[in-house]
Amino acid sequence: MAEYLKKELAELDKFRLGRTQLHSTLSVEVSELLKEAQLEAYLDKAGPKIDAPDRKTAVSLLMKRYGFLAALSLYSMTVFEKMPDLRPGNLSLETDDQDPLWLPSFYFHKMEASVPEDFPTRADWRDSALKQLFSENIHPLIQTGARLTGISKWILWENVCIYVRWMYETLLSTPPETLDLQRAEEDFQFVLSEADGSLFGDFHYNPLARFNGAISIQPETGREIRMRRTCCLFYLTSERGARCKTCPALCAKLPKGYGG
């Protein structure tokens, strides 16, 4: 195990790394969110904060925020060659009650990291890191959320995937001078396409690969975008029904409160 340097922690702040526990009404241990009753209570408290009309919408927006944990962890893996301890018992979501946007941070009770030297090869270390992040952390939360609310698990997986892709595309477009570009590109492809499904949970294939859609041109702006395959239900929190720029046309046909 290794410790993080101060400058490394400062970089992780942009991914909502929490430095202190806030003990607010919306602060919670991640291990508690894996229990249906506790997740239900949490969604009922968080929902009004974001004007979510139901638990489906609330859990979808929770997973969009939780996607930052994947971005934080994978940035650390690729840039620093360090992976934090992602066991649910080592993590809590911390929320400032005065924050009108409900943007929780991730507080690690022990801010230690595994490193490639702990394993026979870097590939073995990377597999272990991804398994802890996805199979032991994100996948159980998605399962609990889908079982509790009836929302499609693919909405929740895509909510995570968009932040993984955003992190790597941003990193590769403006790389730090010390970044090993080849390693970063290999990690990017591995995480989103090549990693075995077992690293993500009870999958026979990589669930993130499902969202490797083609890039298209947005007619209104002429900008390149990758359309989502599922609707995240964000529009249900807006009085005007405002939609994400990458919202699929399908979501306009969905009945209120649902997604496919």
C-alpha atoms as a PDB file:
ATOM      1  CA  MET A   1       0.000   0.000   0.000  1.00  0.00           C
ATOM      2  CA  ALA A   2       1.080   3.566  -0.651  1.00  0.00           C
ATOM      3  CA  GLU A   3       0.076   7.026   0.507  1.00  0.00           C
ATOM      4  CA  TYR A   4      -0.977   9.947  -1.668  1.00  0.00           C
ATOM      5  CA  LEU A   5       1.122  13.066  -2.054  1.00  0.00           C
ATOM      6  CA  LYS A   6      -0.509  16.388  -1.221  1.00  0.00           C
ATOM      7  CA  LYS A   7      -0.357  17.496  -4.850  1.00  0.00           C
ATOM      8  CA  GLU A   8      -2.056  14.262  -5.928  1.00  0.00           C
ATOM      9  CA  LEU A   9      -4.896  14.796  -3.477  1.00  0.00           C
ATOM     10  CA  ALA A  10      -5.242  18.349  -4.765  1.00  0.00           C
ATOM     11  CA  GLU A  11      -5.697  17.000  -8.290  1.00  0.00           C
ATOM     12  CA  LEU A  12      -8.340  14.555  -7.115  1.00  0.00           C
ATOM     13  CA  ASP A  13     -10.315  17.403  -5.576  1.00  0.00           C
ATOM     14  CA  LYS A  14     -11.718  18.175  -9.036  1.00  0.00           C
ATOM     15  CA  PHE A  15     -13.437  14.787  -8.920  1.00  0.00           C
ATOM     16  CA  ARG A  16     -15.113  15.650  -5.604  1.00  0.00           C
ATOM     17  CA  LEU A  17     -12.675  14.007  -3.262  1.00  0.00           C
ATOM     18  CA  GLY A  18     -13.891  14.702   0.262  1.00  0.00           C
ATOM     19  CA  ARG A  19     -11.294  15.789   2.797  1.00  0.00           C
ATOM     20  CA  THR A  20     -13.581  15.885   5.862  1.00  0.00           C
ATOM     21  CA  GLN A  21     -16.784  14.278   7.057  1.00  0.00           C
ATOM     22  CA  LEU A  22     -19.663  16.744   7.150  1.00  0.00           C
ATOM     23  CA  HIS A  23     -22.211  14.644   9.074  1.00  0.00           C
ATOM     24  CA  SER A  24     -25.090  16.296   7.243  1.00  0.00           C
ATOM     25  CA  THR A  25     -28.573  14.862   6.789  1.00  0.00           C
ATOM     26  CA  LEU A  26     -27.495  13.598   3.358  1.00  0.00           C
ATOM     27  CA  SER A  27     -24.136  12.164   4.405  1.00  0.00           C
ATOM     28  CA  VAL A  28     -24.132   8.379   4.412  1.00  0.00           C
ATOM     29  CA  GLU A  29     -21.810   5.385   4.470  1.00  0.00           C
ATOM     30  CA  VAL A  30     -21.688   3.711   1.057  1.00  0.00           C
ATOM     31  CA  SER A  31     -22.084   0.312   2.724  1.00  0.00           C
ATOM     32  CA  GLU A  32     -25.486   1.479   4.005  1.00  0.00           C
ATOM     33  CA  LEU A  33     -26.654   2.353   0.492  1.00  0.00           C
ATOM     34  CA  LEU A  34     -26.285  -1.300  -0.503  1.00  0.00           C
ATOM     35  CA  LYS A  35     -29.240  -2.113   1.769  1.00  0.00           C
ATOM     36  CA  GLU A  36     -32.635  -1.555   0.155  1.00  0.00           C
ATOM     37  CA  ALA A  37     -34.278   0.022   3.197  1.00  0.00           C
ATOM     38  CA  GLN A  38     -31.402   2.438   3.709  1.00  0.00           C
ATOM     39  CA  LEU A  39     -31.200   3.353   0.027  1.00  0.00           C
ATOM     40  CA  GLU A  40     -34.959   3.923  -0.044  1.00  0.00           C
ATOM     41  CA  ALA A  41     -34.730   6.290   2.923  1.00  0.00           C
ATOM     42  CA  TYR A  42     -31.782   8.105   1.342  1.00  0.00           C
ATOM     43  CA  LEU A  43     -33.572   8.601  -1.975  1.00  0.00           C
ATOM     44  CA  ASP A  44     -36.619   9.935  -0.154  1.00  0.00           C
ATOM     45  CA  LYS A  45     -34.400  12.539   1.531  1.00  0.00           C
ATOM     46  CA  ALA A  46     -32.356  13.400  -1.558  1.00  0.00           C
ATOM     47  CA  GLY A  47     -35.262  13.488  -4.009  1.00  0.00           C
ATOM     48  CA  PRO A  48     -36.745  16.821  -2.876  1.00  0.00           C
ATOM     49  CA  LYS A  49     -33.262  18.380  -3.023  1.00  0.00           C
ATOM     50  CA  ILE A  50     -33.203  17.862  -6.793  1.00  0.00           C
ATOM     51  CA  ASP A  51     -36.955  18.041  -7.471  1.00  0.00           C
ATOM     52  CA  ALA A  52     -37.068  14.348  -8.362  1.00  0.00           C
ATOM     53  CA  PRO A  53     -40.714  13.274  -8.722  1.00  0.00           C
ATOM     54  CA  ASP A  54     -40.032   9.644  -7.843  1.00  0.00           C
ATOM     55  CA  ARG A  55     -37.355   7.214  -6.676  1.00  0.00           C
ATOM     56  CA  LYS A  56     -36.487   6.143 -10.221  1.00  0.00           C
ATOM     57  CA  THR A  57     -35.439   9.664 -11.066  1.00  0.00           C
ATOM     58  CA  ALA A  58     -33.662  10.102  -7.732  1.00  0.00           C
ATOM     59  CA  VAL A  59     -31.594   6.921  -8.085  1.00  0.00           C
ATOM     60  CA  SER A  60     -30.671   7.810 -11.668  1.00  0.00           C
ATOM     61  CA  LEU A  61     -29.331  11.201 -10.607  1.00  0.00           C
ATOM     62  CA  LEU A  62     -27.597   9.603  -7.631  1.00  0.00           C
ATOM     63  CA  MET A  63     -25.703   7.318 -10.017  1.00  0.00           C
ATOM     64  CA  LYS A  64     -24.779  10.283 -12.239  1.00  0.00           C
ATOM     65  CA  ARG A  65     -23.145  11.836  -9.200  1.00  0.00           C
ATOM     66  CA  TYR A  66     -21.659   8.503  -8.181  1.00  0.00           C
ATOM     67  CA  GLY A  67     -20.032   8.278 -11.601  1.00  0.00           C
ATOM     68  CA  PHE A  68     -17.483  10.775 -10.309  1.00  0.00           C
ATOM     69  CA  LEU A  69     -16.131   8.039  -8.040  1.00  0.00           C
ATOM     70  CA  ALA A  70     -15.236   6.029 -11.137  1.00  0.00           C
ATOM     71  CA  ALA A  71     -13.639   9.106 -12.719  1.00  0.00           C
ATOM     72  CA  LEU A  72     -11.660   9.863  -9.552  1.00  0.00           C
ATOM     73  CA  SER A  73     -10.437   6.296  -9.137  1.00  0.00           C
ATOM     74  CA  LEU A  74      -9.504   5.690 -12.760  1.00  0.00           C
ATOM     75  CA  TYR A  75      -7.711   9.041 -12.997  1.00  0.00           C
ATOM     76  CA  SER A  76      -5.682   8.020  -9.964  1.00  0.00           C
ATOM     77  CA  MET A  77      -4.981   4.615 -11.503  1.00  0.00           C
ATOM     78  CA  THR A  78      -3.808   5.965 -14.849  1.00  0.00           C
ATOM     79  CA  VAL A  79      -2.067   9.185 -13.823  1.00  0.00           C
ATOM     80  CA  PHE A  80      -0.597   8.327 -10.407  1.00  0.00           C
ATOM     81  CA  GLU A  81      -0.378   4.527 -10.679  1.00  0.00           C
ATOM     82  CA  LYS A  82      -2.339   4.373  -7.425  1.00  0.00           C
ATOM     83  CA  MET A  83      -5.791   2.966  -6.702  1.00  0.00           C
ATOM     84  CA  PRO A  84      -7.614   3.973  -3.509  1.00  0.00           C
ATOM     85  CA  ASP A  85      -9.297   1.427  -1.257  1.00  0.00           C
ATOM     86  CA  LEU A  86     -12.774   1.290  -2.789  1.00  0.00           C
ATOM     87  CA  ARG A  87     -14.405  -1.187  -0.453  1.00  0.00           C
ATOM     88  CA  PRO A  88     -17.851   0.199   0.439  1.00  0.00           C
ATOM     89  CA  GLY A  89     -16.952   0.117   4.136  1.00  0.00           C
ATOM     90  CA  ASN A  90     -14.106   2.569   3.484  1.00  0.00           C
ATOM     91  CA  LEU A  91     -16.267   5.200   1.772  1.00  0.00           C
ATOM     92  CA  SER A  92     -18.935   7.693   2.662  1.00  0.00           C
ATOM     93  CA  LEU A  93     -20.878  10.231   0.625  1.00  0.00           C
ATOM     94  CA  GLU A  94     -20.613  13.662   2.215  1.00  0.00           C
ATOM     95  CA  THR A  95     -23.048  16.459   1.420  1.00  0.00           C
ATOM     96  CA  ASP A  96     -23.103  20.095   2.425  1.00  0.00           C
ATOM     97  CA  ASP A  97     -26.690  20.805   3.501  1.00  0.00           C
ATOM     98  CA  GLN A  98     -26.316  24.355   2.172  1.00  0.00           C
ATOM     99  CA  ASP A  99     -25.392  23.158  -1.338  1.00  0.00           C
ATOM    100  CA  PRO A 100     -28.485  23.744  -3.516  1.00  0.00           C
ATOM    101  CA  LEU A 101     -27.240  21.341  -6.218  1.00  0.00           C
ATOM    102  CA  TRP A 102     -26.658  18.214  -4.088  1.00  0.00           C
ATOM    103  CA  LEU A 103     -23.147  17.371  -5.263  1.00  0.00           C
ATOM    104  CA  PRO A 104     -21.825  14.857  -2.722  1.00  0.00           C
ATOM    105  CA  SER A 105     -18.110  14.304  -2.219  1.00  0.00           C
ATOM    106  CA  PHE A 106     -16.343  10.987  -1.594  1.00  0.00           C
ATOM    107  CA  TYR A 107     -14.671  10.610   1.769  1.00  0.00           C
ATOM    108  CA  PHE A 108     -12.206   7.741   2.268  1.00  0.00           C
ATOM    109  CA  HIS A 109     -11.815   6.667   5.884  1.00  0.00           C
ATOM    110  CA  LYS A 110      -8.325   5.400   4.997  1.00  0.00           C
ATOM    111  CA  MET A 111      -6.750   7.244   2.090  1.00  0.00           C
ATOM    112  CA  GLU A 112      -4.345   4.477   1.124  1.00  0.00           C
ATOM    113  CA  ALA A 113      -3.700   3.086  -2.327  1.00  0.00           C
ATOM    114  CA  SER A 114      -2.646  -0.143  -3.949  1.00  0.00           C
ATOM    115  CA  VAL A 115       0.183   0.129  -6.490  1.00  0.00           C
ATOM    116  CA  PRO A 116       1.433  -2.101  -9.326  1.00  0.00           C
ATOM    117  CA  GLU A 117       4.378  -3.229  -7.201  1.00  0.00           C
ATOM    118  CA  ASP A 118       1.897  -5.047  -4.952  1.00  0.00           C
ATOM    119  CA  PHE A 119       1.109  -7.466  -7.807  1.00  0.00           C
ATOM    120  CA  PRO A 120       3.070  -9.691 -10.224  1.00  0.00           C
ATOM    121  CA  THR A 121       2.245  -7.407 -13.181  1.00  0.00           C
ATOM    122  CA  ARG A 122       0.536  -4.083 -13.828  1.00  0.00           C
ATOM    123  CA  ALA A 123      -2.182  -5.962 -15.697  1.00  0.00           C
ATOM    124  CA  ASP A 124      -2.918  -8.020 -12.577  1.00  0.00           C
ATOM    125  CA  TRP A 125      -3.060  -4.842 -10.495  1.00  0.00           C
ATOM    126  CA  ARG A 126      -5.356  -3.125 -12.974  1.00  0.00           C
ATOM    127  CA  ASP A 127      -7.711  -6.113 -13.000  1.00  0.00           C
ATOM    128  CA  SER A 128      -7.835  -6.086  -9.213  1.00  0.00           C
ATOM    129  CA  ALA A 129      -8.465  -2.330  -9.162  1.00  0.00           C
ATOM    130  CA  LEU A 130     -11.312  -2.535 -11.666  1.00  0.00           C
ATOM    131  CA  LYS A 131     -12.873  -5.479  -9.865  1.00  0.00           C
ATOM    132  CA  GLN A 132     -12.972  -3.565  -6.593  1.00  0.00           C
ATOM    133  CA  LEU A 133     -14.337  -0.411  -8.242  1.00  0.00           C
ATOM    134  CA  PHE A 134     -17.014  -2.025 -10.357  1.00  0.00           C
ATOM    135  CA  SER A 135     -17.797  -5.555  -9.165  1.00  0.00           C
ATOM    136  CA  GLU A 136     -17.532  -4.829  -5.437  1.00  0.00           C
ATOM    137  CA  ASN A 137     -18.774  -1.232  -5.319  1.00  0.00           C
ATOM    138  CA  ILE A 138     -20.674   0.201  -8.283  1.00  0.00           C
ATOM    139  CA  HIS A 139     -22.366  -3.027  -9.422  1.00  0.00           C
ATOM    140  CA  PRO A 140     -23.935  -3.810  -6.014  1.00  0.00           C
ATOM    141  CA  LEU A 141     -25.247  -0.246  -5.759  1.00  0.00           C
ATOM    142  CA  ILE A 142     -26.747  -0.447  -9.248  1.00  0.00           C
ATOM    143  CA  GLN A 143     -28.326  -3.805  -8.415  1.00  0.00           C
ATOM    144  CA  THR A 144     -29.865  -2.427  -5.240  1.00  0.00           C
ATOM    145  CA  GLY A 145     -31.134   0.707  -6.973  1.00  0.00           C
ATOM    146  CA  ALA A 146     -32.644  -1.210  -9.895  1.00  0.00           C
ATOM    147  CA  ARG A 147     -34.277  -3.776  -7.622  1.00  0.00           C
ATOM    148  CA  LEU A 148     -35.720  -1.105  -5.338  1.00  0.00           C
ATOM    149  CA  THR A 149     -37.091   1.270  -7.973  1.00  0.00           C
ATOM    150  CA  GLY A 150     -37.601  -0.889 -11.056  1.00  0.00           C
ATOM    151  CA  ILE A 151     -35.391   1.366 -13.173  1.00  0.00           C
ATOM    152  CA  SER A 152     -33.395  -0.239 -15.972  1.00  0.00           C
ATOM    153  CA  LYS A 153     -29.890  -1.120 -14.816  1.00  0.00           C
ATOM    154  CA  TRP A 154     -28.601   0.115 -18.174  1.00  0.00           C
ATOM    155  CA  ILE A 155     -29.639   3.678 -17.383  1.00  0.00           C
ATOM    156  CA  LEU A 156     -27.521   3.489 -14.240  1.00  0.00           C
ATOM    157  CA  TRP A 157     -24.560   1.879 -15.998  1.00  0.00           C
ATOM    158  CA  GLU A 158     -24.621   4.528 -18.717  1.00  0.00           C
ATOM    159  CA  ASN A 159     -24.739   7.235 -16.041  1.00  0.00           C
ATOM    160  CA  VAL A 160     -21.410   5.891 -14.787  1.00  0.00           C
ATOM    161  CA  CYS A 161     -19.972   5.281 -18.245  1.00  0.00           C
ATOM    162  CA  ILE A 162     -20.373   8.884 -19.391  1.00  0.00           C
ATOM    163  CA  TYR A 163     -18.094  10.103 -16.607  1.00  0.00           C
ATOM    164  CA  VAL A 164     -15.497   7.410 -17.275  1.00  0.00           C
ATOM    165  CA  ARG A 165     -15.388   8.432 -20.927  1.00  0.00           C
ATOM    166  CA  TRP A 166     -15.400  12.147 -20.087  1.00  0.00           C
ATOM    167  CA  MET A 167     -12.461  11.723 -17.722  1.00  0.00           C
ATOM    168  CA  TYR A 168     -10.293   9.819 -20.213  1.00  0.00           C
ATOM    169  CA  GLU A 169     -11.159  12.010 -23.198  1.00  0.00           C
ATOM    170  CA  THR A 170     -10.363  15.136 -21.173  1.00  0.00           C
ATOM    171  CA  LEU A 171      -7.131  13.619 -19.883  1.00  0.00           C
ATOM    172  CA  LEU A 172      -5.957  12.596 -23.352  1.00  0.00           C
ATOM    173  CA  SER A 173      -6.863  15.939 -24.919  1.00  0.00           C
ATOM    174  CA  THR A 174      -4.898  17.929 -22.314  1.00  0.00           C
ATOM    175  CA  PRO A 175      -2.374  15.466 -20.864  1.00  0.00           C
ATOM    176  CA  PRO A 176       0.003  16.396 -18.029  1.00  0.00           C
ATOM    177  CA  GLU A 177       3.650  16.465 -19.122  1.00  0.00           C
ATOM    178  CA  THR A 178       4.434  13.461 -16.936  1.00  0.00           C
ATOM    179  CA  LEU A 179       1.610  11.291 -18.299  1.00  0.00           C
ATOM    180  CA  ASP A 180       2.515   8.091 -20.133  1.00  0.00           C
ATOM    181  CA  LEU A 181       0.217   8.619 -23.114  1.00  0.00           C
ATOM    182  CA  GLN A 182       0.455   5.068 -24.403  1.00  0.00           C
ATOM    183  CA  ARG A 183      -0.468   3.682 -20.989  1.00  0.00           C
ATOM    184  CA  ALA A 184      -3.370   6.131 -20.694  1.00  0.00           C
ATOM    185  CA  GLU A 185      -4.737   5.185 -24.108  1.00  0.00           C
ATOM    186  CA  GLU A 186      -4.394   1.492 -23.268  1.00  0.00           C
ATOM    187  CA  ASP A 187      -6.224   1.973 -19.961  1.00  0.00           C
ATOM    188  CA  PHE A 188      -8.972   3.912 -21.757  1.00  0.00           C
ATOM    189  CA  GLN A 189      -9.554   1.152 -24.288  1.00  0.00           C
ATOM    190  CA  PHE A 190      -9.281  -1.569 -21.681  1.00  0.00           C
ATOM    191  CA  VAL A 191     -11.794  -0.053 -19.270  1.00  0.00           C
ATOM    192  CA  LEU A 192     -14.405   0.832 -21.901  1.00  0.00           C
ATOM    193  CA  SER A 193     -14.016  -2.094 -24.288  1.00  0.00           C
ATOM    194  CA  GLU A 194     -11.553  -4.859 -23.532  1.00  0.00           C
ATOM    195  CA  ALA A 195     -11.856  -5.642 -19.811  1.00  0.00           C
ATOM    196  CA  ASP A 196     -13.493  -8.959 -18.983  1.00  0.00           C
ATOM    197  CA  GLY A 197     -17.104  -8.792 -17.847  1.00  0.00           C
ATOM    198  CA  SER A 198     -16.299 -10.553 -14.580  1.00  0.00           C
ATOM    199  CA  LEU A 199     -14.466  -7.413 -13.421  1.00  0.00           C
ATOM    200  CA  PHE A 200     -17.791  -5.543 -13.463  1.00  0.00           C
ATOM    201  CA  GLY A 201     -20.010  -8.055 -11.698  1.00  0.00           C
ATOM    202  CA  ASP A 202     -21.953 -11.067 -12.950  1.00  0.00           C
ATOM    203  CA  PHE A 203     -21.410 -10.209 -16.622  1.00  0.00           C
ATOM    204  CA  HIS A 204     -20.124 -12.292 -19.515  1.00  0.00           C
ATOM    205  CA  TYR A 205     -19.085  -9.085 -21.302  1.00  0.00           C
ATOM    206  CA  ASN A 206     -17.964  -5.565 -20.464  1.00  0.00           C
ATOM    207  CA  PRO A 207     -21.168  -3.594 -19.698  1.00  0.00           C
ATOM    208  CA  LEU A 208     -19.495  -0.282 -20.571  1.00  0.00           C
ATOM    209  CA  ALA A 209     -18.837  -1.499 -24.128  1.00  0.00           C
ATOM    210  CA  ARG A 210     -22.592  -1.341 -24.676  1.00  0.00           C
ATOM    211  CA  PHE A 211     -22.310   2.446 -24.803  1.00  0.00           C
ATOM    212  CA  ASN A 212     -19.502   2.793 -27.357  1.00  0.00           C
ATOM    213  CA  GLY A 213     -21.820   4.439 -29.856  1.00  0.00           C
ATOM    214  CA  ALA A 214     -20.765   6.439 -32.885  1.00  0.00           C
ATOM    215  CA  ILE A 215     -20.131  10.164 -32.681  1.00  0.00           C
ATOM    216  CA  SER A 216     -22.628  12.320 -34.566  1.00  0.00           C
ATOM    217  CA  ILE A 217     -22.985  16.008 -35.391  1.00  0.00           C
ATOM    218  CA  GLN A 218     -25.535  17.986 -33.395  1.00  0.00           C
ATOM    219  CA  PRO A 219     -27.582  19.933 -36.001  1.00  0.00           C
ATOM    220  CA  GLU A 220     -28.222  22.943 -33.761  1.00  0.00           C
ATOM    221  CA  THR A 221     -24.566  23.593 -32.893  1.00  0.00           C
ATOM    222  CA  GLY A 222     -22.504  21.616 -35.400  1.00  0.00           C
ATOM    223  CA  ARG A 223     -20.629  20.058 -32.464  1.00  0.00           C
ATOM    224  CA  GLU A 224     -19.595  16.426 -32.270  1.00  0.00           C
ATOM    225  CA  ILE A 225     -21.534  14.484 -29.639  1.00  0.00           C
ATOM    226  CA  ARG A 226     -22.076  10.873 -28.663  1.00  0.00           C
ATOM    227  CA  MET A 227     -25.781  10.358 -28.063  1.00  0.00           C
ATOM    228  CA  ARG A 228     -26.810   8.392 -25.005  1.00  0.00           C
ATOM    229  CA  ARG A 229     -28.572   5.084 -25.538  1.00  0.00           C
ATOM    230  CA  THR A 230     -30.799   5.596 -22.502  1.00  0.00           C
ATOM    231  CA  CYS A 231     -32.584   8.546 -20.937  1.00  0.00           C
ATOM    232  CA  CYS A 232     -31.250   9.536 -17.506  1.00  0.00           C
ATOM    233  CA  LEU A 233     -34.637  11.104 -16.557  1.00  0.00           C
ATOM    234  CA  PHE A 234     -33.060  14.475 -15.757  1.00  0.00           C
ATOM    235  CA  TYR A 235     -35.834  16.218 -17.688  1.00  0.00           C
ATOM    236  CA  LEU A 236     -38.313  15.126 -15.005  1.00  0.00           C
ATOM    237  CA  THR A 237     -36.596  17.450 -12.516  1.00  0.00           C
ATOM    238  CA  SER A 238     -37.079  20.510 -14.713  1.00  0.00           C
ATOM    239  CA  GLU A 239     -40.302  22.516 -14.875  1.00  0.00           C
ATOM    240  CA  ARG A 240     -39.663  23.108 -18.571  1.00  0.00           C
ATOM    241  CA  GLY A 241     -38.646  19.512 -19.248  1.00  0.00           C
ATOM    242  CA  ALA A 242     -35.122  20.562 -20.252  1.00  0.00           C
ATOM    243  CA  ARG A 243     -33.117  17.625 -21.568  1.00  0.00           C
ATOM    244  CA  CYS A 244     -29.437  16.747 -21.643  1.00  0.00           C
ATOM    245  CA  LYS A 245     -27.674  17.677 -24.893  1.00  0.00           C
ATOM    246  CA  THR A 246     -26.939  14.005 -25.525  1.00  0.00           C
ATOM    247  CA  CYS A 247     -30.453  12.792 -24.698  1.00  0.00           C
ATOM    248  CA  PRO A 248     -31.615  10.108 -27.164  1.00  0.00           C
ATOM    249  CA  ALA A 249     -34.719  10.772 -29.230  1.00  0.00           C
ATOM    250  CA  LEU A 250     -36.240   7.718 -27.567  1.00  0.00           C
ATOM    251  CA  CYS A 251     -36.700   9.491 -24.254  1.00  0.00           C
ATOM    252  CA  ALA A 252     -39.221  11.883 -25.802  1.00  0.00           C
ATOM    253  CA  LYS A 253     -41.493   8.872 -26.274  1.00  0.00           C
ATOM    254  CA  LEU A 254     -41.135   7.456 -22.788  1.00  0.00           C
ATOM    255  CA  PRO A 255     -44.010   7.750 -20.311  1.00  0.00           C
ATOM    256  CA  LYS A 256     -43.270  10.060 -17.406  1.00  0.00           C
ATOM    257  CA  GLY A 257     -41.057   8.456 -14.777  1.00  0.00           C
ATOM    258  CA  TYR A 258     -39.679   5.679 -16.955  1.00  0.00           C
ATOM    259  CA  GLY A 259     -36.600   4.873 -18.988  1.00  0.00           C
ATOM    260  CA  GLY A 260     -35.334   1.958 -21.045  1.00  0.00           C
END
